[in-house]
Amino acid sequence: MTNTFEATEAAKTRMPTLAKTIEEFAFAQANEFIDAGQPVREATSIVANMMVRAAWAVAACGVLSEGGVPDKDKFRSTVEAQMNAVCFKSTDSKAEGGAA
């Protein structure tokens, strides 16, 4: 796993579409859980945890396919970088924090 990628031109054109598709799917799935009676916070956490698990499996399989050993610390670092790239601003001074 790496934090930098060399993408082909064909891959570069597909990345924004796939990113949007994944994001839309994740929110739609969270809404499915909400419609099934899960509280919002739990529904979104369930989906987020499934996606992190899938991301680790995909990334690790890529490394294994080339004879490497998946590096949990590099994956953690990548996840943390993505967390730092997304910022939220609360308009409610009493907003609670919390993990997904």
PDB file of N, CA and C in Angstrom:
ATOM      1  N   MET A   1       0.848  -1.176   0.000  1.00  0.00           N
ATOM      2  CA  MET A   1       0.000   0.000   0.000  1.00  0.00           C
ATOM      3  C   MET A   1       0.886   1.230   0.000  1.00  0.00           C
ATOM      4  N   THR A   2       0.386   2.233  -0.635  1.00  0.00           N
ATOM      5  CA  THR A   2       1.153   3.459  -0.747  1.00  0.00           C
ATOM      6  C   THR A   2       0.224   4.658  -0.639  1.00  0.00           C
ATOM      7  N   ASN A   3       0.798   5.775  -0.292  1.00  0.00           N
ATOM      8  CA  ASN A   3       0.005   7.004  -0.229  1.00  0.00           C
ATOM      9  C   ASN A   3       0.045   7.746  -1.554  1.00  0.00           C
ATOM     10  N   THR A   4       0.908   7.317  -2.468  1.00  0.00           N
ATOM     11  CA  THR A   4       0.999   7.946  -3.778  1.00  0.00           C
ATOM     12  C   THR A   4       0.746   6.886  -4.837  1.00  0.00           C
ATOM     13  N   PHE A   5       0.187   7.319  -5.942  1.00  0.00           N
ATOM     14  CA  PHE A   5      -0.182   6.389  -6.997  1.00  0.00           C
ATOM     15  C   PHE A   5       0.242   6.951  -8.338  1.00  0.00           C
ATOM     16  N   GLU A   6       0.623   6.073  -9.233  1.00  0.00           N
ATOM     17  CA  GLU A   6       0.849   6.445 -10.619  1.00  0.00           C
ATOM     18  C   GLU A   6      -0.338   5.899 -11.385  1.00  0.00           C
ATOM     19  N   ALA A   7      -1.185   6.778 -11.845  1.00  0.00           N
ATOM     20  CA  ALA A   7      -2.396   6.361 -12.538  1.00  0.00           C
ATOM     21  C   ALA A   7      -2.242   6.579 -14.030  1.00  0.00           C
ATOM     22  N   THR A   8      -2.745   5.630 -14.795  1.00  0.00           N
ATOM     23  CA  THR A   8      -2.781   5.809 -16.239  1.00  0.00           C
ATOM     24  C   THR A   8      -3.803   6.890 -16.561  1.00  0.00           C
ATOM     25  N   GLU A   9      -3.725   7.431 -17.751  1.00  0.00           N
ATOM     26  CA  GLU A   9      -4.693   8.453 -18.153  1.00  0.00           C
ATOM     27  C   GLU A   9      -6.106   7.885 -18.136  1.00  0.00           C
ATOM     28  N   ALA A  10      -6.258   6.644 -18.587  1.00  0.00           N
ATOM     29  CA  ALA A  10      -7.586   6.022 -18.597  1.00  0.00           C
ATOM     30  C   ALA A  10      -8.119   5.864 -17.173  1.00  0.00           C
ATOM     31  N   ALA A  11      -7.258   5.499 -16.228  1.00  0.00           N
ATOM     32  CA  ALA A  11      -7.681   5.353 -14.832  1.00  0.00           C
ATOM     33  C   ALA A  11      -8.052   6.711 -14.240  1.00  0.00           C
ATOM     34  N   LYS A  12      -7.274   7.731 -14.564  1.00  0.00           N
ATOM     35  CA  LYS A  12      -7.540   9.072 -14.040  1.00  0.00           C
ATOM     36  C   LYS A  12      -8.941   9.558 -14.409  1.00  0.00           C
ATOM     37  N   THR A  13      -9.392   9.225 -15.599  1.00  0.00           N
ATOM     38  CA  THR A  13     -10.707   9.687 -16.015  1.00  0.00           C
ATOM     39  C   THR A  13     -11.817   8.940 -15.295  1.00  0.00           C
ATOM     40  N   ARG A  14     -11.529   7.743 -14.811  1.00  0.00           N
ATOM     41  CA  ARG A  14     -12.552   6.945 -14.133  1.00  0.00           C
ATOM     42  C   ARG A  14     -12.628   7.221 -12.623  1.00  0.00           C
ATOM     43  N   MET A  15     -11.566   7.737 -12.040  1.00  0.00           N
ATOM     44  CA  MET A  15     -11.507   7.911 -10.584  1.00  0.00           C
ATOM     45  C   MET A  15     -12.609   8.807 -10.029  1.00  0.00           C
ATOM     46  N   PRO A  16     -12.855   9.986 -10.587  1.00  0.00           N
ATOM     47  CA  PRO A  16     -13.927  10.828 -10.015  1.00  0.00           C
ATOM     48  C   PRO A  16     -15.296  10.156 -10.078  1.00  0.00           C
ATOM     49  N   THR A  17     -15.560   9.455 -11.166  1.00  0.00           N
ATOM     50  CA  THR A  17     -16.852   8.772 -11.306  1.00  0.00           C
ATOM     51  C   THR A  17     -16.986   7.672 -10.269  1.00  0.00           C
ATOM     52  N   LEU A  18     -15.951   6.880 -10.096  1.00  0.00           N
ATOM     53  CA  LEU A  18     -16.001   5.800  -9.108  1.00  0.00           C
ATOM     54  C   LEU A  18     -16.099   6.365  -7.696  1.00  0.00           C
ATOM     55  N   ALA A  19     -15.344   7.401  -7.389  1.00  0.00           N
ATOM     56  CA  ALA A  19     -15.406   8.012  -6.058  1.00  0.00           C
ATOM     57  C   ALA A  19     -16.818   8.486  -5.752  1.00  0.00           C
ATOM     58  N   LYS A  20     -17.454   9.122  -6.732  1.00  0.00           N
ATOM     59  CA  LYS A  20     -18.823   9.615  -6.540  1.00  0.00           C
ATOM     60  C   LYS A  20     -19.794   8.443  -6.375  1.00  0.00           C
ATOM     61  N   THR A  21     -19.610   7.398  -7.156  1.00  0.00           N
ATOM     62  CA  THR A  21     -20.474   6.217  -7.070  1.00  0.00           C
ATOM     63  C   THR A  21     -20.367   5.563  -5.699  1.00  0.00           C
ATOM     64  N   ILE A  22     -19.148   5.422  -5.200  1.00  0.00           N
ATOM     65  CA  ILE A  22     -18.941   4.810  -3.881  1.00  0.00           C
ATOM     66  C   ILE A  22     -19.590   5.661  -2.797  1.00  0.00           C
ATOM     67  N   GLU A  23     -19.395   6.977  -2.871  1.00  0.00           N
ATOM     68  CA  GLU A  23     -19.979   7.869  -1.870  1.00  0.00           C
ATOM     69  C   GLU A  23     -21.505   7.817  -1.908  1.00  0.00           C
ATOM     70  N   GLU A  24     -22.070   7.865  -3.100  1.00  0.00           N
ATOM     71  CA  GLU A  24     -23.530   7.804  -3.224  1.00  0.00           C
ATOM     72  C   GLU A  24     -24.068   6.472  -2.707  1.00  0.00           C
ATOM     73  N   PHE A  25     -23.374   5.379  -3.006  1.00  0.00           N
ATOM     74  CA  PHE A  25     -23.781   4.068  -2.520  1.00  0.00           C
ATOM     75  C   PHE A  25     -23.749   4.030  -0.995  1.00  0.00           C
ATOM     76  N   ALA A  26     -22.687   4.561  -0.412  1.00  0.00           N
ATOM     77  CA  ALA A  26     -22.539   4.522   1.046  1.00  0.00           C
ATOM     78  C   ALA A  26     -23.690   5.260   1.732  1.00  0.00           C
ATOM     79  N   PHE A  27     -24.017   6.449   1.240  1.00  0.00           N
ATOM     80  CA  PHE A  27     -25.119   7.196   1.846  1.00  0.00           C
ATOM     81  C   PHE A  27     -26.459   6.510   1.597  1.00  0.00           C
ATOM     82  N   ALA A  28     -26.624   5.945   0.412  1.00  0.00           N
ATOM     83  CA  ALA A  28     -27.871   5.222   0.123  1.00  0.00           C
ATOM     84  C   ALA A  28     -28.011   4.005   1.040  1.00  0.00           C
ATOM     85  N   GLN A  29     -26.907   3.307   1.267  1.00  0.00           N
ATOM     86  CA  GLN A  29     -26.966   2.138   2.147  1.00  0.00           C
ATOM     87  C   GLN A  29     -27.254   2.554   3.583  1.00  0.00           C
ATOM     88  N   ALA A  30     -26.657   3.652   4.027  1.00  0.00           N
ATOM     89  CA  ALA A  30     -26.954   4.148   5.369  1.00  0.00           C
ATOM     90  C   ALA A  30     -28.447   4.465   5.479  1.00  0.00           C
ATOM     91  N   ASN A  31     -29.002   5.071   4.444  1.00  0.00           N
ATOM     92  CA  ASN A  31     -30.435   5.368   4.446  1.00  0.00           C
ATOM     93  C   ASN A  31     -31.270   4.093   4.494  1.00  0.00           C
ATOM     94  N   GLU A  32     -30.807   3.035   3.844  1.00  0.00           N
ATOM     95  CA  GLU A  32     -31.513   1.746   3.910  1.00  0.00           C
ATOM     96  C   GLU A  32     -31.558   1.243   5.352  1.00  0.00           C
ATOM     97  N   PHE A  33     -30.446   1.349   6.067  1.00  0.00           N
ATOM     98  CA  PHE A  33     -30.406   0.915   7.467  1.00  0.00           C
ATOM     99  C   PHE A  33     -31.297   1.806   8.339  1.00  0.00           C
ATOM    100  N   ILE A  34     -31.294   3.099   8.045  1.00  0.00           N
ATOM    101  CA  ILE A  34     -32.156   4.022   8.790  1.00  0.00           C
ATOM    102  C   ILE A  34     -33.613   3.650   8.556  1.00  0.00           C
ATOM    103  N   ASP A  35     -33.955   3.385   7.299  1.00  0.00           N
ATOM    104  CA  ASP A  35     -35.327   2.969   6.975  1.00  0.00           C
ATOM    105  C   ASP A  35     -35.681   1.644   7.654  1.00  0.00           C
ATOM    106  N   ALA A  36     -34.668   0.840   7.957  1.00  0.00           N
ATOM    107  CA  ALA A  36     -34.885  -0.444   8.628  1.00  0.00           C
ATOM    108  C   ALA A  36     -34.899  -0.295  10.150  1.00  0.00           C
ATOM    109  N   GLY A  37     -34.845   0.966  10.633  1.00  0.00           N
ATOM    110  CA  GLY A  37     -34.980   1.210  12.060  1.00  0.00           C
ATOM    111  C   GLY A  37     -33.707   1.517  12.818  1.00  0.00           C
ATOM    112  N   GLN A  38     -32.554   1.507  12.146  1.00  0.00           N
ATOM    113  CA  GLN A  38     -31.302   1.839  12.843  1.00  0.00           C
ATOM    114  C   GLN A  38     -31.250   3.343  13.078  1.00  0.00           C
ATOM    115  N   PRO A  39     -30.777   3.774  14.248  1.00  0.00           N
ATOM    116  CA  PRO A  39     -30.545   5.214  14.444  1.00  0.00           C
ATOM    117  C   PRO A  39     -29.492   5.700  13.439  1.00  0.00           C
ATOM    118  N   VAL A  40     -29.549   6.965  13.072  1.00  0.00           N
ATOM    119  CA  VAL A  40     -28.649   7.531  12.071  1.00  0.00           C
ATOM    120  C   VAL A  40     -27.186   7.259  12.409  1.00  0.00           C
ATOM    121  N   ARG A  41     -26.809   7.545  13.638  1.00  0.00           N
ATOM    122  CA  ARG A  41     -25.402   7.379  14.027  1.00  0.00           C
ATOM    123  C   ARG A  41     -24.946   5.936  13.868  1.00  0.00           C
ATOM    124  N   GLU A  42     -25.788   4.982  14.244  1.00  0.00           N
ATOM    125  CA  GLU A  42     -25.434   3.570  14.099  1.00  0.00           C
ATOM    126  C   GLU A  42     -25.415   3.165  12.628  1.00  0.00           C
ATOM    127  N   ALA A  43     -26.390   3.613  11.862  1.00  0.00           N
ATOM    128  CA  ALA A  43     -26.462   3.252  10.445  1.00  0.00           C
ATOM    129  C   ALA A  43     -25.222   3.719   9.692  1.00  0.00           C
ATOM    130  N   THR A  44     -24.826   4.952   9.930  1.00  0.00           N
ATOM    131  CA  THR A  44     -23.654   5.470   9.235  1.00  0.00           C
ATOM    132  C   THR A  44     -22.380   4.780   9.703  1.00  0.00           C
ATOM    133  N   SER A  45     -22.312   4.442  10.982  1.00  0.00           N
ATOM    134  CA  SER A  45     -21.143   3.732  11.499  1.00  0.00           C
ATOM    135  C   SER A  45     -21.044   2.319  10.932  1.00  0.00           C
ATOM    136  N   ILE A  46     -22.167   1.656  10.805  1.00  0.00           N
ATOM    137  CA  ILE A  46     -22.176   0.312  10.221  1.00  0.00           C
ATOM    138  C   ILE A  46     -21.601   0.360   8.812  1.00  0.00           C
ATOM    139  N   VAL A  47     -22.082   1.292   8.004  1.00  0.00           N
ATOM    140  CA  VAL A  47     -21.611   1.406   6.625  1.00  0.00           C
ATOM    141  C   VAL A  47     -20.126   1.772   6.595  1.00  0.00           C
ATOM    142  N   ALA A  48     -19.723   2.724   7.423  1.00  0.00           N
ATOM    143  CA  ALA A  48     -18.318   3.135   7.451  1.00  0.00           C
ATOM    144  C   ALA A  48     -17.415   1.966   7.821  1.00  0.00           C
ATOM    145  N   ASN A  49     -17.815   1.183   8.802  1.00  0.00           N
ATOM    146  CA  ASN A  49     -17.002   0.041   9.206  1.00  0.00           C
ATOM    147  C   ASN A  49     -16.911  -1.007   8.102  1.00  0.00           C
ATOM    148  N   MET A  50     -18.009  -1.234   7.405  1.00  0.00           N
ATOM    149  CA  MET A  50     -17.979  -2.172   6.269  1.00  0.00           C
ATOM    150  C   MET A  50     -17.026  -1.678   5.185  1.00  0.00           C
ATOM    151  N   MET A  51     -17.045  -0.383   4.938  1.00  0.00           N
ATOM    152  CA  MET A  51     -16.193   0.176   3.888  1.00  0.00           C
ATOM    153  C   MET A  51     -14.715   0.126   4.272  1.00  0.00           C
ATOM    154  N   VAL A  52     -14.404   0.380   5.533  1.00  0.00           N
ATOM    155  CA  VAL A  52     -13.007   0.292   5.975  1.00  0.00           C
ATOM    156  C   VAL A  52     -12.516  -1.147   5.853  1.00  0.00           C
ATOM    157  N   ARG A  53     -13.356  -2.087   6.247  1.00  0.00           N
ATOM    158  CA  ARG A  53     -12.988  -3.505   6.138  1.00  0.00           C
ATOM    159  C   ARG A  53     -12.739  -3.887   4.674  1.00  0.00           C
ATOM    160  N   ALA A  54     -13.634  -3.455   3.785  1.00  0.00           N
ATOM    161  CA  ALA A  54     -13.471  -3.749   2.362  1.00  0.00           C
ATOM    162  C   ALA A  54     -12.215  -3.073   1.802  1.00  0.00           C
ATOM    163  N   ALA A  55     -11.965  -1.838   2.223  1.00  0.00           N
ATOM    164  CA  ALA A  55     -10.782  -1.114   1.751  1.00  0.00           C
ATOM    165  C   ALA A  55      -9.501  -1.843   2.151  1.00  0.00           C
ATOM    166  N   TRP A  56      -9.449  -2.332   3.382  1.00  0.00           N
ATOM    167  CA  TRP A  56      -8.273  -3.069   3.841  1.00  0.00           C
ATOM    168  C   TRP A  56      -8.107  -4.359   3.036  1.00  0.00           C
ATOM    169  N   ALA A  57      -9.199  -5.059   2.799  1.00  0.00           N
ATOM    170  CA  ALA A  57      -9.124  -6.306   2.035  1.00  0.00           C
ATOM    171  C   ALA A  57      -8.624  -6.040   0.612  1.00  0.00           C
ATOM    172  N   VAL A  58      -9.154  -5.010  -0.032  1.00  0.00           N
ATOM    173  CA  VAL A  58      -8.736  -4.682  -1.399  1.00  0.00           C
ATOM    174  C   VAL A  58      -7.260  -4.290  -1.424  1.00  0.00           C
ATOM    175  N   ALA A  59      -6.867  -3.388  -0.540  1.00  0.00           N
ATOM    176  CA  ALA A  59      -5.480  -2.924  -0.513  1.00  0.00           C
ATOM    177  C   ALA A  59      -4.515  -4.073  -0.197  1.00  0.00           C
ATOM    178  N   ALA A  60      -4.866  -4.884   0.774  1.00  0.00           N
ATOM    179  CA  ALA A  60      -3.996  -5.999   1.166  1.00  0.00           C
ATOM    180  C   ALA A  60      -3.874  -7.016   0.040  1.00  0.00           C
ATOM    181  N   CYS A  61      -4.970  -7.302  -0.651  1.00  0.00           N
ATOM    182  CA  CYS A  61      -4.919  -8.256  -1.765  1.00  0.00           C
ATOM    183  C   CYS A  61      -4.023  -7.746  -2.883  1.00  0.00           C
ATOM    184  N   GLY A  62      -4.033  -6.444  -3.113  1.00  0.00           N
ATOM    185  CA  GLY A  62      -3.144  -5.871  -4.119  1.00  0.00           C
ATOM    186  C   GLY A  62      -1.685  -6.100  -3.768  1.00  0.00           C
ATOM    187  N   VAL A  63      -1.343  -5.905  -2.512  1.00  0.00           N
ATOM    188  CA  VAL A  63       0.031  -6.126  -2.055  1.00  0.00           C
ATOM    189  C   VAL A  63       0.382  -7.614  -2.151  1.00  0.00           C
ATOM    190  N   LEU A  64      -0.516  -8.464  -1.691  1.00  0.00           N
ATOM    191  CA  LEU A  64      -0.278  -9.911  -1.737  1.00  0.00           C
ATOM    192  C   LEU A  64      -0.101 -10.403  -3.172  1.00  0.00           C
ATOM    193  N   SER A  65      -0.830  -9.806  -4.104  1.00  0.00           N
ATOM    194  CA  SER A  65      -0.743 -10.238  -5.501  1.00  0.00           C
ATOM    195  C   SER A  65       0.641 -10.012  -6.092  1.00  0.00           C
ATOM    196  N   GLU A  66       1.385  -9.100  -5.498  1.00  0.00           N
ATOM    197  CA  GLU A  66       2.741  -8.825  -5.964  1.00  0.00           C
ATOM    198  C   GLU A  66       3.791  -9.448  -5.055  1.00  0.00           C
ATOM    199  N   GLY A  67       3.353 -10.369  -4.179  1.00  0.00           N
ATOM    200  CA  GLY A  67       4.287 -11.071  -3.307  1.00  0.00           C
ATOM    201  C   GLY A  67       4.704 -10.300  -2.075  1.00  0.00           C
ATOM    202  N   GLY A  68       4.022  -9.194  -1.798  1.00  0.00           N
ATOM    203  CA  GLY A  68       4.370  -8.377  -0.644  1.00  0.00           C
ATOM    204  C   GLY A  68       3.595  -8.778   0.601  1.00  0.00           C
ATOM    205  N   VAL A  69       3.860  -8.068   1.668  1.00  0.00           N
ATOM    206  CA  VAL A  69       3.173  -8.272   2.944  1.00  0.00           C
ATOM    207  C   VAL A  69       2.399  -6.991   3.254  1.00  0.00           C
ATOM    208  N   PRO A  70       1.086  -7.094   3.420  1.00  0.00           N
ATOM    209  CA  PRO A  70       0.298  -5.897   3.732  1.00  0.00           C
ATOM    210  C   PRO A  70       0.820  -5.210   5.000  1.00  0.00           C
ATOM    211  N   ASP A  71       0.903  -3.898   4.962  1.00  0.00           N
ATOM    212  CA  ASP A  71       1.433  -3.106   6.065  1.00  0.00           C
ATOM    213  C   ASP A  71       0.288  -2.334   6.724  1.00  0.00           C
ATOM    214  N   LYS A  72      -0.109  -2.797   7.899  1.00  0.00           N
ATOM    215  CA  LYS A  72      -1.221  -2.164   8.604  1.00  0.00           C
ATOM    216  C   LYS A  72      -0.920  -0.715   8.964  1.00  0.00           C
ATOM    217  N   ASP A  73       0.334  -0.414   9.266  1.00  0.00           N
ATOM    218  CA  ASP A  73       0.681   0.957   9.633  1.00  0.00           C
ATOM    219  C   ASP A  73       0.531   1.902   8.436  1.00  0.00           C
ATOM    220  N   LYS A  74       0.921   1.457   7.246  1.00  0.00           N
ATOM    221  CA  LYS A  74       0.740   2.290   6.058  1.00  0.00           C
ATOM    222  C   LYS A  74      -0.742   2.481   5.770  1.00  0.00           C
ATOM    223  N   PHE A  75      -1.530   1.430   5.955  1.00  0.00           N
ATOM    224  CA  PHE A  75      -2.966   1.554   5.725  1.00  0.00           C
ATOM    225  C   PHE A  75      -3.571   2.532   6.725  1.00  0.00           C
ATOM    226  N   ARG A  76      -3.199   2.394   7.996  1.00  0.00           N
ATOM    227  CA  ARG A  76      -3.684   3.316   9.036  1.00  0.00           C
ATOM    228  C   ARG A  76      -3.327   4.757   8.675  1.00  0.00           C
ATOM    229  N   SER A  77      -2.105   4.958   8.210  1.00  0.00           N
ATOM    230  CA  SER A  77      -1.644   6.291   7.835  1.00  0.00           C
ATOM    231  C   SER A  77      -2.481   6.855   6.690  1.00  0.00           C
ATOM    232  N   THR A  78      -2.809   6.015   5.725  1.00  0.00           N
ATOM    233  CA  THR A  78      -3.634   6.442   4.601  1.00  0.00           C
ATOM    234  C   THR A  78      -5.039   6.810   5.066  1.00  0.00           C
ATOM    235  N   VAL A  79      -5.603   6.003   5.958  1.00  0.00           N
ATOM    236  CA  VAL A  79      -6.932   6.291   6.499  1.00  0.00           C
ATOM    237  C   VAL A  79      -6.901   7.615   7.264  1.00  0.00           C
ATOM    238  N   GLU A  80      -5.876   7.812   8.069  1.00  0.00           N
ATOM    239  CA  GLU A  80      -5.755   9.054   8.831  1.00  0.00           C
ATOM    240  C   GLU A  80      -5.610  10.259   7.903  1.00  0.00           C
ATOM    241  N   ALA A  81      -4.864  10.092   6.814  1.00  0.00           N
ATOM    242  CA  ALA A  81      -4.714  11.199   5.853  1.00  0.00           C
ATOM    243  C   ALA A  81      -6.066  11.556   5.241  1.00  0.00           C
ATOM    244  N   GLN A  82      -6.882  10.552   4.948  1.00  0.00           N
ATOM    245  CA  GLN A  82      -8.207  10.822   4.405  1.00  0.00           C
ATOM    246  C   GLN A  82      -9.100  11.494   5.447  1.00  0.00           C
ATOM    247  N   MET A  83      -8.974  11.079   6.688  1.00  0.00           N
ATOM    248  CA  MET A  83      -9.746  11.717   7.756  1.00  0.00           C
ATOM    249  C   MET A  83      -9.351  13.182   7.895  1.00  0.00           C
ATOM    250  N   ASN A  84      -8.068  13.459   7.755  1.00  0.00           N
ATOM    251  CA  ASN A  84      -7.593  14.837   7.866  1.00  0.00           C
ATOM    252  C   ASN A  84      -7.984  15.680   6.660  1.00  0.00           C
ATOM    253  N   ALA A  85      -8.238  15.031   5.532  1.00  0.00           N
ATOM    254  CA  ALA A  85      -8.594  15.756   4.309  1.00  0.00           C
ATOM    255  C   ALA A  85     -10.048  16.216   4.309  1.00  0.00           C
ATOM    256  N   VAL A  86     -10.863  15.618   5.156  1.00  0.00           N
ATOM    257  CA  VAL A  86     -12.281  15.977   5.220  1.00  0.00           C
ATOM    258  C   VAL A  86     -12.521  16.738   6.519  1.00  0.00           C
ATOM    259  N   CYS A  87     -13.059  17.942   6.407  1.00  0.00           N
ATOM    260  CA  CYS A  87     -13.301  18.766   7.591  1.00  0.00           C
ATOM    261  C   CYS A  87     -14.792  19.049   7.725  1.00  0.00           C
ATOM    262  N   PHE A  88     -15.242  19.116   8.961  1.00  0.00           N
ATOM    263  CA  PHE A  88     -16.630  19.420   9.260  1.00  0.00           C
ATOM    264  C   PHE A  88     -16.655  20.619  10.182  1.00  0.00           C
ATOM    265  N   LYS A  89     -17.655  21.434  10.005  1.00  0.00           N
ATOM    266  CA  LYS A  89     -17.816  22.608  10.863  1.00  0.00           C
ATOM    267  C   LYS A  89     -19.189  22.523  11.501  1.00  0.00           C
ATOM    268  N   SER A  90     -19.214  22.524  12.806  1.00  0.00           N
ATOM    269  CA  SER A  90     -20.467  22.454  13.537  1.00  0.00           C
ATOM    270  C   SER A  90     -21.030  23.848  13.727  1.00  0.00           C
ATOM    271  N   THR A  91     -22.316  23.962  13.509  1.00  0.00           N
ATOM    272  CA  THR A  91     -23.003  25.228  13.785  1.00  0.00           C
ATOM    273  C   THR A  91     -23.663  25.194  15.148  1.00  0.00           C
ATOM    274  N   ASP A  92     -23.589  24.033  15.797  1.00  0.00           N
ATOM    275  CA  ASP A  92     -24.202  23.850  17.115  1.00  0.00           C
ATOM    276  C   ASP A  92     -23.082  23.757  18.140  1.00  0.00           C
ATOM    277  N   SER A  93     -23.037  24.676  19.083  1.00  0.00           N
ATOM    278  CA  SER A  93     -21.966  24.691  20.071  1.00  0.00           C
ATOM    279  C   SER A  93     -22.047  23.498  21.015  1.00  0.00           C
ATOM    280  N   LYS A  94     -23.164  22.773  21.015  1.00  0.00           N
ATOM    281  CA  LYS A  94     -23.329  21.608  21.877  1.00  0.00           C
ATOM    282  C   LYS A  94     -23.162  20.300  21.110  1.00  0.00           C
ATOM    283  N   ALA A  95     -22.652  20.368  19.882  1.00  0.00           N
ATOM    284  CA  ALA A  95     -22.517  19.153  19.061  1.00  0.00           C
ATOM    285  C   ALA A  95     -21.570  18.177  19.723  1.00  0.00           C
ATOM    286  N   GLU A  96     -21.975  16.921  19.695  1.00  0.00           N
ATOM    287  CA  GLU A  96     -21.161  15.865  20.274  1.00  0.00           C
ATOM    288  C   GLU A  96     -20.220  15.314  19.225  1.00  0.00           C
ATOM    289  N   GLY A  97     -19.006  14.991  19.658  1.00  0.00           N
ATOM    290  CA  GLY A  97     -18.086  14.291  18.781  1.00  0.00           C
ATOM    291  C   GLY A  97     -18.301  12.813  18.939  1.00  0.00           C
ATOM    292  N   GLY A  98     -17.498  12.038  18.289  1.00  0.00           N
ATOM    293  CA  GLY A  98     -17.613  10.600  18.445  1.00  0.00           C
ATOM    294  C   GLY A  98     -17.062   9.879  17.259  1.00  0.00           C
ATOM    295  N   ALA A  99     -16.731   8.627  17.476  1.00  0.00           N
ATOM    296  CA  ALA A  99     -16.191   7.809  16.412  1.00  0.00           C
ATOM    297  C   ALA A  99     -17.291   7.237  15.572  1.00  0.00           C
ATOM    298  N   ALA A 100     -16.930   6.912  14.376  1.00  0.00           N
ATOM    299  CA  ALA A 100     -17.899   6.280  13.467  1.00  0.00           C
ATOM    300  C   ALA A 100     -18.151   4.867  13.875  1.00  0.00           C
TER     301      ALA A 100
END
